[in-house]
Amino acid sequence: MDLKNLQPTYTMRDMAKVLGRVAELTRQNNCLKQQLETTAQELADAKQDNASLTAQLYDLQGDVVRQMTAGRVIVRERTYEA
């Protein structure tokens, strides 16, 4: 076997390209993680707002039902002064 004619599979240039690509993908991954965290927080806030609005709606519906079913005094006869 002639060791002088063997060449490495990867050159320094190839390794530099690979490491550059890894760095680029790492930056993209970090950016996506940040976006995911932001979106998760926005979703949690939206769920909390939704729960609050739903509770307000139920309160309003209860108020309407209480007003509609409350007893009322109806005057049947009125006395008029002549």
C-alpha atoms as a PDB file:
ATOM      1  CA  MET A   1       0.000   0.000   0.000  1.00  0.00           C
ATOM      2  CA  ASP A   2       1.422   3.333  -1.079  1.00  0.00           C
ATOM      3  CA  LEU A   3       0.747   5.845   1.730  1.00  0.00           C
ATOM      4  CA  LYS A   4       2.055   8.790  -0.323  1.00  0.00           C
ATOM      5  CA  ASN A   5      -0.868   8.616  -2.746  1.00  0.00           C
ATOM      6  CA  LEU A   6      -3.612   8.458  -0.105  1.00  0.00           C
ATOM      7  CA  GLN A   7      -5.544  11.651   0.392  1.00  0.00           C
ATOM      8  CA  PRO A   8      -7.864  12.511   3.267  1.00  0.00           C
ATOM      9  CA  THR A   9     -11.561  12.187   2.559  1.00  0.00           C
ATOM     10  CA  TYR A  10     -12.262  15.682   3.855  1.00  0.00           C
ATOM     11  CA  THR A  11     -10.068  18.676   3.289  1.00  0.00           C
ATOM     12  CA  MET A  12      -9.770  21.638   5.629  1.00  0.00           C
ATOM     13  CA  ARG A  13     -12.002  23.590   3.240  1.00  0.00           C
ATOM     14  CA  ASP A  14     -14.672  20.901   3.470  1.00  0.00           C
ATOM     15  CA  MET A  15     -14.483  20.933   7.259  1.00  0.00           C
ATOM     16  CA  ALA A  16     -14.745  24.737   7.300  1.00  0.00           C
ATOM     17  CA  LYS A  17     -17.882  24.522   5.146  1.00  0.00           C
ATOM     18  CA  VAL A  18     -19.398  21.910   7.442  1.00  0.00           C
ATOM     19  CA  LEU A  19     -18.628  23.946  10.563  1.00  0.00           C
ATOM     20  CA  GLY A  20     -20.049  27.074   8.906  1.00  0.00           C
ATOM     21  CA  ARG A  21     -23.237  25.201   8.074  1.00  0.00           C
ATOM     22  CA  VAL A  22     -23.464  23.878  11.643  1.00  0.00           C
ATOM     23  CA  ALA A  23     -23.094  27.432  12.992  1.00  0.00           C
ATOM     24  CA  GLU A  24     -25.812  28.675  10.604  1.00  0.00           C
ATOM     25  CA  LEU A  25     -28.189  25.882  11.618  1.00  0.00           C
ATOM     26  CA  THR A  26     -27.467  26.557  15.286  1.00  0.00           C
ATOM     27  CA  ARG A  27     -28.402  30.227  14.835  1.00  0.00           C
ATOM     28  CA  GLN A  28     -31.614  29.259  13.032  1.00  0.00           C
ATOM     29  CA  ASN A  29     -32.439  26.743  15.753  1.00  0.00           C
ATOM     30  CA  ASN A  30     -31.934  29.356  18.476  1.00  0.00           C
ATOM     31  CA  CYS A  31     -34.137  31.801  16.577  1.00  0.00           C
ATOM     32  CA  LEU A  32     -36.883  29.193  16.220  1.00  0.00           C
ATOM     33  CA  LYS A  33     -36.643  28.334  19.918  1.00  0.00           C
ATOM     34  CA  GLN A  34     -37.121  32.009  20.784  1.00  0.00           C
ATOM     35  CA  GLN A  35     -40.118  32.247  18.448  1.00  0.00           C
ATOM     36  CA  LEU A  36     -41.592  29.121  20.017  1.00  0.00           C
ATOM     37  CA  GLU A  37     -41.204  30.540  23.521  1.00  0.00           C
ATOM     38  CA  THR A  38     -42.821  33.820  22.444  1.00  0.00           C
ATOM     39  CA  THR A  39     -45.684  32.021  20.741  1.00  0.00           C
ATOM     40  CA  ALA A  40     -46.218  29.756  23.745  1.00  0.00           C
ATOM     41  CA  GLN A  41     -46.431  32.815  26.013  1.00  0.00           C
ATOM     42  CA  GLU A  42     -48.870  34.528  23.638  1.00  0.00           C
ATOM     43  CA  LEU A  43     -51.001  31.380  23.588  1.00  0.00           C
ATOM     44  CA  ALA A  44     -51.029  31.225  27.394  1.00  0.00           C
ATOM     45  CA  ASP A  45     -52.058  34.904  27.525  1.00  0.00           C
ATOM     46  CA  ALA A  46     -54.806  34.315  24.954  1.00  0.00           C
ATOM     47  CA  LYS A  47     -56.119  31.332  26.927  1.00  0.00           C
ATOM     48  CA  GLN A  48     -56.198  33.429  30.091  1.00  0.00           C
ATOM     49  CA  ASP A  49     -58.028  36.250  28.282  1.00  0.00           C
ATOM     50  CA  ASN A  50     -60.475  33.732  26.849  1.00  0.00           C
ATOM     51  CA  ALA A  51     -61.183  32.298  30.289  1.00  0.00           C
ATOM     52  CA  SER A  52     -61.723  35.786  31.694  1.00  0.00           C
ATOM     53  CA  LEU A  53     -64.068  36.778  28.875  1.00  0.00           C
ATOM     54  CA  THR A  54     -65.983  33.515  29.211  1.00  0.00           C
ATOM     55  CA  ALA A  55     -66.461  34.153  32.939  1.00  0.00           C
ATOM     56  CA  GLN A  56     -67.688  37.678  32.189  1.00  0.00           C
ATOM     57  CA  LEU A  57     -70.118  36.299  29.608  1.00  0.00           C
ATOM     58  CA  TYR A  58     -71.516  33.784  32.104  1.00  0.00           C
ATOM     59  CA  ASP A  59     -71.921  36.575  34.666  1.00  0.00           C
ATOM     60  CA  LEU A  60     -73.785  38.721  32.138  1.00  0.00           C
ATOM     61  CA  GLN A  61     -76.020  35.816  31.152  1.00  0.00           C
ATOM     62  CA  GLY A  62     -76.787  35.180  34.826  1.00  0.00           C
ATOM     63  CA  ASP A  63     -77.668  38.858  35.311  1.00  0.00           C
ATOM     64  CA  VAL A  64     -80.022  38.781  32.327  1.00  0.00           C
ATOM     65  CA  VAL A  65     -81.725  35.625  33.580  1.00  0.00           C
ATOM     66  CA  ARG A  66     -82.139  37.105  37.069  1.00  0.00           C
ATOM     67  CA  GLN A  67     -83.633  40.284  35.611  1.00  0.00           C
ATOM     68  CA  MET A  68     -86.002  38.362  33.354  1.00  0.00           C
ATOM     69  CA  THR A  69     -87.222  36.077  36.156  1.00  0.00           C
ATOM     70  CA  ALA A  70     -87.403  38.663  38.945  1.00  0.00           C
ATOM     71  CA  GLY A  71     -90.790  39.289  40.395  1.00  0.00           C
ATOM     72  CA  ARG A  72     -92.529  42.470  39.331  1.00  0.00           C
ATOM     73  CA  VAL A  73     -95.244  44.502  40.942  1.00  0.00           C
ATOM     74  CA  ILE A  74     -98.060  45.196  38.563  1.00  0.00           C
ATOM     75  CA  VAL A  75    -100.583  47.865  39.539  1.00  0.00           C
ATOM     76  CA  ARG A  76    -104.052  46.628  38.603  1.00  0.00           C
ATOM     77  CA  GLU A  77    -106.105  49.568  39.713  1.00  0.00           C
ATOM     78  CA  ARG A  78    -105.209  53.155  39.905  1.00  0.00           C
ATOM     79  CA  THR A  79    -107.097  55.783  41.747  1.00  0.00           C
ATOM     80  CA  TYR A  80    -107.442  59.065  39.960  1.00  0.00           C
ATOM     81  CA  GLU A  81    -108.322  62.288  41.590  1.00  0.00           C
ATOM     82  CA  ALA A  82    -111.046  64.135  39.852  1.00  0.00           C
END
